[in-house]
Amino acid sequence: MISISPVKSQLTLEEFLACPETKPYGEYIDGKVEQKPMPQGEHSIIQTCLSSQINEVGKSKKIALALTELRCNIDGRSFVPDISIFKWDRIPKTETGRIANRIDTYPDWIIEILSPEQSANKVIKKIMVCLKAGTQLAWLIDPADESVLIFKPQQFPEIKSAGDTLPVLDSLSSLELSVEELFSWLSLD
């Protein structure tokens, strides 16, 4: 990851949020700004298909909403998970009922897709912050070895691979997805 050097030794969260948005996105972690790697082909297809699959079940029934690359401000940090899923009644809204632009809460479920140049430990640290704040479920998808590391609060992580069904939020129990199906999206045949 590329570290962006702020003018001061550390920025506040409000100073960071006042800066113009960059691509790839910057994340604010422990007073420092770090750039996320730019998504490549495998990352992009998994992110697109997975968010569509979740929304097919969740959005149509007003159970949950999956949003890609959504900036979430959590406990003095600012993350941009690959996919953030909110239960319908927790979607941050304005007074008029529209989705809020600034999201100052944790998603109920986050999904991160590991890029080849990305540090797994840095992504896991972000997942742990979200779980501590209230996130109920997190996936760390590794396209290189076709596995998914599952995180839940107060539990040891669990690795899911070929032959396994992936856990989802209880409210999305009608969404059934296997590890094979997830990684089958990488093949365009």
Foldseek 3Di string as FASTA:
>chain_A
DDWDCDPDNFDFLVVVVPDDADPVGWKFDPRTTDGDDHDDDLLVLLLVVVQVLLCVQCVVVLQKHKDAQQWEAAPRIIDGFRIAMAGNVPQDADPVRHGDNYHHAAGQEGEHEDDPPDDPVVVVVVVVRRQVRHHAKYWYAYLVQLWIWIDGPPDDIDIFHPPAWDDDPPSRVVRTDHSVNSNVSSDPD
